[in-house]
Amino acid sequence: QYLYWSLGYTFKGSPVSKIKKTIPA
C-alpha cells in the first residue's frame, strides 16, 4: 500500500507486579 516511515517514542511502563498491587488498592 505504501512505504511505512515513522518516528516514535517509547513511554516506559511500570512492572506488571506493581500494577496488580495498585489496582486493588
mmCIF file of all heavy atoms, coordinates in Angstrom:
data_MODEL
# 
_entry.id   MODEL 
# 
loop_
_atom_site.group_PDB 
_atom_site.id 
_atom_site.type_symbol 
_atom_site.label_atom_id 
_atom_site.label_alt_id 
_atom_site.label_comp_id 
_atom_site.label_asym_id 
_atom_site.label_entity_id 
_atom_site.label_seq_id 
_atom_site.pdbx_PDB_ins_code 
_atom_site.Cartn_x 
_atom_site.Cartn_y 
_atom_site.Cartn_z 
_atom_site.occupancy 
_atom_site.B_iso_or_equiv 
_atom_site.pdbx_formal_charge 
_atom_site.auth_seq_id 
_atom_site.auth_comp_id 
_atom_site.auth_asym_id 
_atom_site.auth_atom_id 
_atom_site.pdbx_PDB_model_num 
ATOM 1   N N   . GLN A 1 1  ? 0.836  -1.201  0.000  1.00 0.00 ? 1  GLN A N   1 
ATOM 2   C CA  . GLN A 1 1  ? 0.000  0.000   0.000  1.00 0.00 ? 1  GLN A CA  1 
ATOM 3   C C   . GLN A 1 1  ? 0.872  1.254   0.000  1.00 0.00 ? 1  GLN A C   1 
ATOM 4   O O   . GLN A 1 1  ? 0.627  2.185   -0.752 1.00 0.00 ? 1  GLN A O   1 
ATOM 5   C CB  . GLN A 1 1  ? -0.931 0.004   1.215  1.00 0.00 ? 1  GLN A CB  1 
ATOM 6   C CG  . GLN A 1 1  ? -1.947 -1.118  1.214  1.00 0.00 ? 1  GLN A CG  1 
ATOM 7   C CD  . GLN A 1 1  ? -2.798 -1.113  2.470  1.00 0.00 ? 1  GLN A CD  1 
ATOM 8   O OE1 . GLN A 1 1  ? -2.561 -0.355  3.411  1.00 0.00 ? 1  GLN A OE1 1 
ATOM 9   N NE2 . GLN A 1 1  ? -3.796 -1.974  2.512  1.00 0.00 ? 1  GLN A NE2 1 
ATOM 10  N N   . TYR A 1 2  ? 1.891  1.266   0.866  1.00 0.00 ? 2  TYR A N   1 
ATOM 11  C CA  . TYR A 1 2  ? 2.820  2.392   0.898  1.00 0.00 ? 2  TYR A CA  1 
ATOM 12  C C   . TYR A 1 2  ? 4.015  2.034   1.773  1.00 0.00 ? 2  TYR A C   1 
ATOM 13  O O   . TYR A 1 2  ? 3.977  1.081   2.552  1.00 0.00 ? 2  TYR A O   1 
ATOM 14  C CB  . TYR A 1 2  ? 2.149  3.672   1.412  1.00 0.00 ? 2  TYR A CB  1 
ATOM 15  C CG  . TYR A 1 2  ? 1.511  3.558   2.777  1.00 0.00 ? 2  TYR A CG  1 
ATOM 16  C CD1 . TYR A 1 2  ? 2.261  3.758   3.941  1.00 0.00 ? 2  TYR A CD1 1 
ATOM 17  C CD2 . TYR A 1 2  ? 0.157  3.278   2.911  1.00 0.00 ? 2  TYR A CD2 1 
ATOM 18  C CE1 . TYR A 1 2  ? 1.675  3.662   5.188  1.00 0.00 ? 2  TYR A CE1 1 
ATOM 19  C CE2 . TYR A 1 2  ? -0.435 3.185   4.156  1.00 0.00 ? 2  TYR A CE2 1 
ATOM 20  C CZ  . TYR A 1 2  ? 0.328  3.386   5.283  1.00 0.00 ? 2  TYR A CZ  1 
ATOM 21  O OH  . TYR A 1 2  ? -0.248 3.287   6.525  1.00 0.00 ? 2  TYR A OH  1 
ATOM 22  N N   . LEU A 1 3  ? 5.097  2.797   1.616  1.00 0.00 ? 3  LEU A N   1 
ATOM 23  C CA  . LEU A 1 3  ? 6.275  2.634   2.465  1.00 0.00 ? 3  LEU A CA  1 
ATOM 24  C C   . LEU A 1 3  ? 5.955  3.158   3.859  1.00 0.00 ? 3  LEU A C   1 
ATOM 25  O O   . LEU A 1 3  ? 5.392  4.240   4.011  1.00 0.00 ? 3  LEU A O   1 
ATOM 26  C CB  . LEU A 1 3  ? 7.475  3.385   1.877  1.00 0.00 ? 3  LEU A CB  1 
ATOM 27  C CG  . LEU A 1 3  ? 8.033  2.841   0.564  1.00 0.00 ? 3  LEU A CG  1 
ATOM 28  C CD1 . LEU A 1 3  ? 9.160  3.739   0.064  1.00 0.00 ? 3  LEU A CD1 1 
ATOM 29  C CD2 . LEU A 1 3  ? 8.535  1.412   0.730  1.00 0.00 ? 3  LEU A CD2 1 
ATOM 30  N N   . TYR A 1 4  ? 6.340  2.393   4.860  1.00 0.00 ? 4  TYR A N   1 
ATOM 31  C CA  . TYR A 1 4  ? 5.993  2.706   6.247  1.00 0.00 ? 4  TYR A CA  1 
ATOM 32  C C   . TYR A 1 4  ? 7.168  3.410   6.921  1.00 0.00 ? 4  TYR A C   1 
ATOM 33  O O   . TYR A 1 4  ? 8.055  2.785   7.497  1.00 0.00 ? 4  TYR A O   1 
ATOM 34  C CB  . TYR A 1 4  ? 5.630  1.409   6.984  1.00 0.00 ? 4  TYR A CB  1 
ATOM 35  C CG  . TYR A 1 4  ? 4.986  1.613   8.336  1.00 0.00 ? 4  TYR A CG  1 
ATOM 36  C CD1 . TYR A 1 4  ? 3.622  1.826   8.451  1.00 0.00 ? 4  TYR A CD1 1 
ATOM 37  C CD2 . TYR A 1 4  ? 5.750  1.576   9.501  1.00 0.00 ? 4  TYR A CD2 1 
ATOM 38  C CE1 . TYR A 1 4  ? 3.025  2.000   9.687  1.00 0.00 ? 4  TYR A CE1 1 
ATOM 39  C CE2 . TYR A 1 4  ? 5.165  1.752   10.737 1.00 0.00 ? 4  TYR A CE2 1 
ATOM 40  C CZ  . TYR A 1 4  ? 3.805  1.959   10.826 1.00 0.00 ? 4  TYR A CZ  1 
ATOM 41  O OH  . TYR A 1 4  ? 3.221  2.140   12.061 1.00 0.00 ? 4  TYR A OH  1 
ATOM 42  N N   . TRP A 1 5  ? 7.185  4.746   6.820  1.00 0.00 ? 5  TRP A N   1 
ATOM 43  C CA  . TRP A 1 5  ? 8.179  5.561   7.513  1.00 0.00 ? 5  TRP A CA  1 
ATOM 44  C C   . TRP A 1 5  ? 7.532  6.122   8.762  1.00 0.00 ? 5  TRP A C   1 
ATOM 45  O O   . TRP A 1 5  ? 6.428  6.666   8.703  1.00 0.00 ? 5  TRP A O   1 
ATOM 46  C CB  . TRP A 1 5  ? 8.628  6.740   6.640  1.00 0.00 ? 5  TRP A CB  1 
ATOM 47  C CG  . TRP A 1 5  ? 9.319  6.391   5.372  1.00 0.00 ? 5  TRP A CG  1 
ATOM 48  C CD1 . TRP A 1 5  ? 8.749  6.256   4.135  1.00 0.00 ? 5  TRP A CD1 1 
ATOM 49  C CD2 . TRP A 1 5  ? 10.711 6.166   5.191  1.00 0.00 ? 5  TRP A CD2 1 
ATOM 50  N NE1 . TRP A 1 5  ? 9.699  5.958   3.207  1.00 0.00 ? 5  TRP A NE1 1 
ATOM 51  C CE2 . TRP A 1 5  ? 10.916 5.897   3.820  1.00 0.00 ? 5  TRP A CE2 1 
ATOM 52  C CE3 . TRP A 1 5  ? 11.812 6.156   6.049  1.00 0.00 ? 5  TRP A CE3 1 
ATOM 53  C CZ2 . TRP A 1 5  ? 12.173 5.622   3.291  1.00 0.00 ? 5  TRP A CZ2 1 
ATOM 54  C CZ3 . TRP A 1 5  ? 13.057 5.893   5.530  1.00 0.00 ? 5  TRP A CZ3 1 
ATOM 55  C CH2 . TRP A 1 5  ? 13.234 5.635   4.164  1.00 0.00 ? 5  TRP A CH2 1 
ATOM 56  N N   . SER A 1 6  ? 8.193  6.057   9.896  1.00 0.00 ? 6  SER A N   1 
ATOM 57  C CA  . SER A 1 6  ? 7.608  6.655   11.095 1.00 0.00 ? 6  SER A CA  1 
ATOM 58  C C   . SER A 1 6  ? 8.690  7.035   12.090 1.00 0.00 ? 6  SER A C   1 
ATOM 59  O O   . SER A 1 6  ? 9.803  6.504   12.073 1.00 0.00 ? 6  SER A O   1 
ATOM 60  C CB  . SER A 1 6  ? 6.599  5.707   11.750 1.00 0.00 ? 6  SER A CB  1 
ATOM 61  O OG  . SER A 1 6  ? 7.254  4.608   12.355 1.00 0.00 ? 6  SER A OG  1 
ATOM 62  N N   . LEU A 1 7  ? 8.344  7.958   12.954 1.00 0.00 ? 7  LEU A N   1 
ATOM 63  C CA  . LEU A 1 7  ? 9.168  8.362   14.079 1.00 0.00 ? 7  LEU A CA  1 
ATOM 64  C C   . LEU A 1 7  ? 8.355  8.104   15.334 1.00 0.00 ? 7  LEU A C   1 
ATOM 65  O O   . LEU A 1 7  ? 7.167  8.446   15.394 1.00 0.00 ? 7  LEU A O   1 
ATOM 66  C CB  . LEU A 1 7  ? 9.537  9.842   13.975 1.00 0.00 ? 7  LEU A CB  1 
ATOM 67  C CG  . LEU A 1 7  ? 10.555 10.371  14.993 1.00 0.00 ? 7  LEU A CG  1 
ATOM 68  C CD1 . LEU A 1 7  ? 11.917 9.716   14.771 1.00 0.00 ? 7  LEU A CD1 1 
ATOM 69  C CD2 . LEU A 1 7  ? 10.688 11.891  14.867 1.00 0.00 ? 7  LEU A CD2 1 
ATOM 70  N N   . GLY A 1 8  ? 8.977  7.463   16.331 1.00 0.00 ? 8  GLY A N   1 
ATOM 71  C CA  . GLY A 1 8  ? 8.213  7.064   17.510 1.00 0.00 ? 8  GLY A CA  1 
ATOM 72  C C   . GLY A 1 8  ? 8.952  7.280   18.812 1.00 0.00 ? 8  GLY A C   1 
ATOM 73  O O   . GLY A 1 8  ? 10.159 7.550   18.837 1.00 0.00 ? 8  GLY A O   1 
ATOM 74  N N   . TYR A 1 9  ? 8.197  7.141   19.888 1.00 0.00 ? 9  TYR A N   1 
ATOM 75  C CA  . TYR A 1 9  ? 8.759  7.287   21.229 1.00 0.00 ? 9  TYR A CA  1 
ATOM 76  C C   . TYR A 1 9  ? 8.134  6.233   22.132 1.00 0.00 ? 9  TYR A C   1 
ATOM 77  O O   . TYR A 1 9  ? 6.922  5.981   22.071 1.00 0.00 ? 9  TYR A O   1 
ATOM 78  C CB  . TYR A 1 9  ? 8.468  8.678   21.786 1.00 0.00 ? 9  TYR A CB  1 
ATOM 79  C CG  . TYR A 1 9  ? 9.212  8.986   23.068 1.00 0.00 ? 9  TYR A CG  1 
ATOM 80  C CD1 . TYR A 1 9  ? 10.486 9.511   23.043 1.00 0.00 ? 9  TYR A CD1 1 
ATOM 81  C CD2 . TYR A 1 9  ? 8.629  8.728   24.311 1.00 0.00 ? 9  TYR A CD2 1 
ATOM 82  C CE1 . TYR A 1 9  ? 11.183 9.792   24.218 1.00 0.00 ? 9  TYR A CE1 1 
ATOM 83  C CE2 . TYR A 1 9  ? 9.313  9.000   25.490 1.00 0.00 ? 9  TYR A CE2 1 
ATOM 84  C CZ  . TYR A 1 9  ? 10.589 9.533   25.432 1.00 0.00 ? 9  TYR A CZ  1 
ATOM 85  O OH  . TYR A 1 9  ? 11.275 9.793   26.592 1.00 0.00 ? 9  TYR A OH  1 
ATOM 86  N N   . THR A 1 10 ? 8.975  5.602   22.953 1.00 0.00 ? 10 THR A N   1 
ATOM 87  C CA  . THR A 1 10 ? 8.510  4.583   23.890 1.00 0.00 ? 10 THR A CA  1 
ATOM 88  C C   . THR A 1 10 ? 8.406  5.167   25.295 1.00 0.00 ? 10 THR A C   1 
ATOM 89  O O   . THR A 1 10 ? 9.394  5.678   25.836 1.00 0.00 ? 10 THR A O   1 
ATOM 90  C CB  . THR A 1 10 ? 9.469  3.379   23.923 1.00 0.00 ? 10 THR A CB  1 
ATOM 91  O OG1 . THR A 1 10 ? 9.508  2.781   22.624 1.00 0.00 ? 10 THR A OG1 1 
ATOM 92  C CG2 . THR A 1 10 ? 8.985  2.340   24.929 1.00 0.00 ? 10 THR A CG2 1 
ATOM 93  N N   . PHE A 1 11 ? 7.206  5.098   25.853 1.00 0.00 ? 11 PHE A N   1 
ATOM 94  C CA  . PHE A 1 11 ? 6.990  5.506   27.239 1.00 0.00 ? 11 PHE A CA  1 
ATOM 95  C C   . PHE A 1 11 ? 7.116  4.252   28.109 1.00 0.00 ? 11 PHE A C   1 
ATOM 96  O O   . PHE A 1 11 ? 6.315  3.326   27.993 1.00 0.00 ? 11 PHE A O   1 
ATOM 97  C CB  . PHE A 1 11 ? 5.602  6.135   27.410 1.00 0.00 ? 11 PHE A CB  1 
ATOM 98  C CG  . PHE A 1 11 ? 5.419  7.399   26.614 1.00 0.00 ? 11 PHE A CG  1 
ATOM 99  C CD1 . PHE A 1 11 ? 4.919  7.352   25.319 1.00 0.00 ? 11 PHE A CD1 1 
ATOM 100 C CD2 . PHE A 1 11 ? 5.751  8.633   27.163 1.00 0.00 ? 11 PHE A CD2 1 
ATOM 101 C CE1 . PHE A 1 11 ? 4.743  8.517   24.579 1.00 0.00 ? 11 PHE A CE1 1 
ATOM 102 C CE2 . PHE A 1 11 ? 5.583  9.806   26.431 1.00 0.00 ? 11 PHE A CE2 1 
ATOM 103 C CZ  . PHE A 1 11 ? 5.070  9.743   25.136 1.00 0.00 ? 11 PHE A CZ  1 
ATOM 104 N N   . LYS A 1 12 ? 8.143  4.222   28.935 1.00 0.00 ? 12 LYS A N   1 
ATOM 105 C CA  . LYS A 1 12 ? 8.392  3.063   29.774 1.00 0.00 ? 12 LYS A CA  1 
ATOM 106 C C   . LYS A 1 12 ? 7.292  2.925   30.824 1.00 0.00 ? 12 LYS A C   1 
ATOM 107 O O   . LYS A 1 12 ? 6.956  3.877   31.524 1.00 0.00 ? 12 LYS A O   1 
ATOM 108 C CB  . LYS A 1 12 ? 9.750  3.167   30.459 1.00 0.00 ? 12 LYS A CB  1 
ATOM 109 C CG  . LYS A 1 12 ? 10.928 3.205   29.499 1.00 0.00 ? 12 LYS A CG  1 
ATOM 110 C CD  . LYS A 1 12 ? 11.118 1.873   28.786 1.00 0.00 ? 12 LYS A CD  1 
ATOM 111 C CE  . LYS A 1 12 ? 12.369 1.884   27.926 1.00 0.00 ? 12 LYS A CE  1 
ATOM 112 N NZ  . LYS A 1 12 ? 12.573 0.609   27.215 1.00 0.00 ? 12 LYS A NZ  1 
ATOM 113 N N   . GLY A 1 13 ? 6.760  1.710   30.933 1.00 0.00 ? 13 GLY A N   1 
ATOM 114 C CA  . GLY A 1 13 ? 5.679  1.457   31.874 1.00 0.00 ? 13 GLY A CA  1 
ATOM 115 C C   . GLY A 1 13 ? 6.173  0.876   33.183 1.00 0.00 ? 13 GLY A C   1 
ATOM 116 O O   . GLY A 1 13 ? 7.348  0.522   33.346 1.00 0.00 ? 13 GLY A O   1 
ATOM 117 N N   . SER A 1 14 ? 5.262  0.734   34.107 1.00 0.00 ? 14 SER A N   1 
ATOM 118 C CA  . SER A 1 14 ? 5.576  0.142   35.408 1.00 0.00 ? 14 SER A CA  1 
ATOM 119 C C   . SER A 1 14 ? 5.548  -1.374  35.307 1.00 0.00 ? 14 SER A C   1 
ATOM 120 O O   . SER A 1 14 ? 4.875  -1.939  34.429 1.00 0.00 ? 14 SER A O   1 
ATOM 121 C CB  . SER A 1 14 ? 4.552  0.602   36.447 1.00 0.00 ? 14 SER A CB  1 
ATOM 122 O OG  . SER A 1 14 ? 4.559  2.016   36.577 1.00 0.00 ? 14 SER A OG  1 
ATOM 123 N N   . PRO A 1 15 ? 6.290  -2.067  36.170 1.00 0.00 ? 15 PRO A N   1 
ATOM 124 C CA  . PRO A 1 15 ? 6.236  -3.533  36.196 1.00 0.00 ? 15 PRO A CA  1 
ATOM 125 C C   . PRO A 1 15 ? 4.814  -4.031  36.405 1.00 0.00 ? 15 PRO A C   1 
ATOM 126 O O   . PRO A 1 15 ? 4.007  -3.398  37.106 1.00 0.00 ? 15 PRO A O   1 
ATOM 127 C CB  . PRO A 1 15 ? 7.142  -3.897  37.363 1.00 0.00 ? 15 PRO A CB  1 
ATOM 128 C CG  . PRO A 1 15 ? 8.070  -2.738  37.498 1.00 0.00 ? 15 PRO A CG  1 
ATOM 129 C CD  . PRO A 1 15 ? 7.266  -1.534  37.131 1.00 0.00 ? 15 PRO A CD  1 
ATOM 130 N N   . VAL A 1 16 ? 4.492  -5.171  35.793 1.00 0.00 ? 16 VAL A N   1 
ATOM 131 C CA  . VAL A 1 16 ? 3.151  -5.733  35.896 1.00 0.00 ? 16 VAL A CA  1 
ATOM 132 C C   . VAL A 1 16 ? 2.797  -6.028  37.350 1.00 0.00 ? 16 VAL A C   1 
ATOM 133 O O   . VAL A 1 16 ? 1.659  -5.813  37.782 1.00 0.00 ? 16 VAL A O   1 
ATOM 134 C CB  . VAL A 1 16 ? 3.044  -7.017  35.046 1.00 0.00 ? 16 VAL A CB  1 
ATOM 135 C CG1 . VAL A 1 16 ? 1.697  -7.691  35.274 1.00 0.00 ? 16 VAL A CG1 1 
ATOM 136 C CG2 . VAL A 1 16 ? 3.245  -6.696  33.573 1.00 0.00 ? 16 VAL A CG2 1 
ATOM 137 N N   . SER A 1 17 ? 3.767  -6.483  38.148 1.00 0.00 ? 17 SER A N   1 
ATOM 138 C CA  . SER A 1 17 ? 3.500  -6.803  39.559 1.00 0.00 ? 17 SER A CA  1 
ATOM 139 C C   . SER A 1 17 ? 3.060  -5.561  40.323 1.00 0.00 ? 17 SER A C   1 
ATOM 140 O O   . SER A 1 17 ? 2.186  -5.627  41.199 1.00 0.00 ? 17 SER A O   1 
ATOM 141 C CB  . SER A 1 17 ? 4.754  -7.396  40.199 1.00 0.00 ? 17 SER A CB  1 
ATOM 142 O OG  . SER A 1 17 ? 5.843  -6.488  40.117 1.00 0.00 ? 17 SER A OG  1 
ATOM 143 N N   . LYS A 1 18 ? 3.638  -4.423  40.000 1.00 0.00 ? 18 LYS A N   1 
ATOM 144 C CA  . LYS A 1 18 ? 3.269  -3.175  40.673 1.00 0.00 ? 18 LYS A CA  1 
ATOM 145 C C   . LYS A 1 18 ? 1.857  -2.749  40.287 1.00 0.00 ? 18 LYS A C   1 
ATOM 146 O O   . LYS A 1 18 ? 1.093  -2.247  41.110 1.00 0.00 ? 18 LYS A O   1 
ATOM 147 C CB  . LYS A 1 18 ? 4.275  -2.084  40.319 1.00 0.00 ? 18 LYS A CB  1 
ATOM 148 C CG  . LYS A 1 18 ? 4.049  -0.779  41.070 1.00 0.00 ? 18 LYS A CG  1 
ATOM 149 C CD  . LYS A 1 18 ? 5.135  0.228   40.737 1.00 0.00 ? 18 LYS A CD  1 
ATOM 150 C CE  . LYS A 1 18 ? 4.915  1.534   41.503 1.00 0.00 ? 18 LYS A CE  1 
ATOM 151 N NZ  . LYS A 1 18 ? 5.969  2.534   41.190 1.00 0.00 ? 18 LYS A NZ  1 
ATOM 152 N N   . ILE A 1 19 ? 1.508  -2.958  39.002 1.00 0.00 ? 19 ILE A N   1 
ATOM 153 C CA  . ILE A 1 19 ? 0.166  -2.614  38.532 1.00 0.00 ? 19 ILE A CA  1 
ATOM 154 C C   . ILE A 1 19 ? -0.882 -3.475  39.238 1.00 0.00 ? 19 ILE A C   1 
ATOM 155 O O   . ILE A 1 19 ? -1.934 -2.992  39.658 1.00 0.00 ? 19 ILE A O   1 
ATOM 156 C CB  . ILE A 1 19 ? 0.062  -2.788  37.002 1.00 0.00 ? 19 ILE A CB  1 
ATOM 157 C CG1 . ILE A 1 19 ? 1.015  -1.808  36.303 1.00 0.00 ? 19 ILE A CG1 1 
ATOM 158 C CG2 . ILE A 1 19 ? -1.363 -2.582  36.525 1.00 0.00 ? 19 ILE A CG2 1 
ATOM 159 C CD1 . ILE A 1 19 ? 1.081  -1.984  34.809 1.00 0.00 ? 19 ILE A CD1 1 
ATOM 160 N N   . LYS A 1 20 ? -0.564 -4.782  39.391 1.00 0.00 ? 20 LYS A N   1 
ATOM 161 C CA  . LYS A 1 20 ? -1.513 -5.688  40.059 1.00 0.00 ? 20 LYS A CA  1 
ATOM 162 C C   . LYS A 1 20 ? -1.744 -5.288  41.508 1.00 0.00 ? 20 LYS A C   1 
ATOM 163 O O   . LYS A 1 20 ? -2.837 -5.465  42.050 1.00 0.00 ? 20 LYS A O   1 
ATOM 164 C CB  . LYS A 1 20 ? -0.987 -7.125  39.977 1.00 0.00 ? 20 LYS A CB  1 
ATOM 165 C CG  . LYS A 1 20 ? -1.024 -7.721  38.573 1.00 0.00 ? 20 LYS A CG  1 
ATOM 166 C CD  . LYS A 1 20 ? -0.502 -9.150  38.561 1.00 0.00 ? 20 LYS A CD  1 
ATOM 167 C CE  . LYS A 1 20 ? -0.588 -9.753  37.173 1.00 0.00 ? 20 LYS A CE  1 
ATOM 168 N NZ  . LYS A 1 20 ? -0.050 -11.141 37.143 1.00 0.00 ? 20 LYS A NZ  1 
ATOM 169 N N   . LYS A 1 21 ? -0.722 -4.751  42.158 1.00 0.00 ? 21 LYS A N   1 
ATOM 170 C CA  . LYS A 1 21 ? -0.870 -4.326  43.557 1.00 0.00 ? 21 LYS A CA  1 
ATOM 171 C C   . LYS A 1 21 ? -1.611 -3.007  43.642 1.00 0.00 ? 21 LYS A C   1 
ATOM 172 O O   . LYS A 1 21 ? -2.335 -2.750  44.597 1.00 0.00 ? 21 LYS A O   1 
ATOM 173 C CB  . LYS A 1 21 ? 0.525  -4.193  44.203 1.00 0.00 ? 21 LYS A CB  1 
ATOM 174 C CG  . LYS A 1 21 ? 1.251  -5.504  44.401 1.00 0.00 ? 21 LYS A CG  1 
ATOM 175 C CD  . LYS A 1 21 ? 2.613  -5.272  45.039 1.00 0.00 ? 21 LYS A CD  1 
ATOM 176 C CE  . LYS A 1 21 ? 3.362  -6.594  45.229 1.00 0.00 ? 21 LYS A CE  1 
ATOM 177 N NZ  . LYS A 1 21 ? 4.711  -6.358  45.811 1.00 0.00 ? 21 LYS A NZ  1 
ATOM 178 N N   . THR A 1 22 ? -1.428 -2.130  42.631 1.00 0.00 ? 22 THR A N   1 
ATOM 179 C CA  . THR A 1 22 ? -2.029 -0.811  42.674 1.00 0.00 ? 22 THR A CA  1 
ATOM 180 C C   . THR A 1 22 ? -3.530 -0.844  42.433 1.00 0.00 ? 22 THR A C   1 
ATOM 181 O O   . THR A 1 22 ? -4.301 -0.138  43.102 1.00 0.00 ? 22 THR A O   1 
ATOM 182 C CB  . THR A 1 22 ? -1.354 0.095   41.615 1.00 0.00 ? 22 THR A CB  1 
ATOM 183 O OG1 . THR A 1 22 ? 0.042  0.139   41.862 1.00 0.00 ? 22 THR A OG1 1 
ATOM 184 C CG2 . THR A 1 22 ? -1.918 1.506   41.676 1.00 0.00 ? 22 THR A CG2 1 
ATOM 185 N N   . ILE A 1 23 ? -3.977 -1.701  41.502 1.00 0.00 ? 23 ILE A N   1 
ATOM 186 C CA  . ILE A 1 23 ? -5.393 -1.736  41.135 1.00 0.00 ? 23 ILE A CA  1 
ATOM 187 C C   . ILE A 1 23 ? -6.290 -2.112  42.322 1.00 0.00 ? 23 ILE A C   1 
ATOM 188 O O   . ILE A 1 23 ? -7.269 -1.408  42.611 1.00 0.00 ? 23 ILE A O   1 
ATOM 189 C CB  . ILE A 1 23 ? -5.626 -2.694  39.942 1.00 0.00 ? 23 ILE A CB  1 
ATOM 190 C CG1 . ILE A 1 23 ? -4.955 -2.118  38.695 1.00 0.00 ? 23 ILE A CG1 1 
ATOM 191 C CG2 . ILE A 1 23 ? -7.117 -2.922  39.700 1.00 0.00 ? 23 ILE A CG2 1 
ATOM 192 C CD1 . ILE A 1 23 ? -5.042 -3.020  37.482 1.00 0.00 ? 23 ILE A CD1 1 
ATOM 193 N N   . PRO A 1 24 ? -5.987 -3.175  43.092 1.00 0.00 ? 24 PRO A N   1 
ATOM 194 C CA  . PRO A 1 24 ? -6.843 -3.484  44.259 1.00 0.00 ? 24 PRO A CA  1 
ATOM 195 C C   . PRO A 1 24 ? -6.841 -2.357  45.295 1.00 0.00 ? 24 PRO A C   1 
ATOM 196 O O   . PRO A 1 24 ? -7.867 -2.093  45.947 1.00 0.00 ? 24 PRO A O   1 
ATOM 197 C CB  . PRO A 1 24 ? -6.197 -4.756  44.843 1.00 0.00 ? 24 PRO A CB  1 
ATOM 198 C CG  . PRO A 1 24 ? -5.484 -5.370  43.693 1.00 0.00 ? 24 PRO A CG  1 
ATOM 199 C CD  . PRO A 1 24 ? -4.975 -4.218  42.897 1.00 0.00 ? 24 PRO A CD  1 
ATOM 200 N N   . ALA A 1 25 ? -5.694 -1.667  45.437 1.00 0.00 ? 25 ALA A N   1 
ATOM 201 C CA  . ALA A 1 25 ? -5.623 -0.569  46.401 1.00 0.00 ? 25 ALA A CA  1 
ATOM 202 C C   . ALA A 1 25 ? -6.536 0.578   45.969 1.00 0.00 ? 25 ALA A C   1 
ATOM 203 O O   . ALA A 1 25 ? -7.188 1.200   46.820 1.00 0.00 ? 25 ALA A O   1 
ATOM 204 C CB  . ALA A 1 25 ? -4.172 -0.097  46.521 1.00 0.00 ? 25 ALA A CB  1 
# 
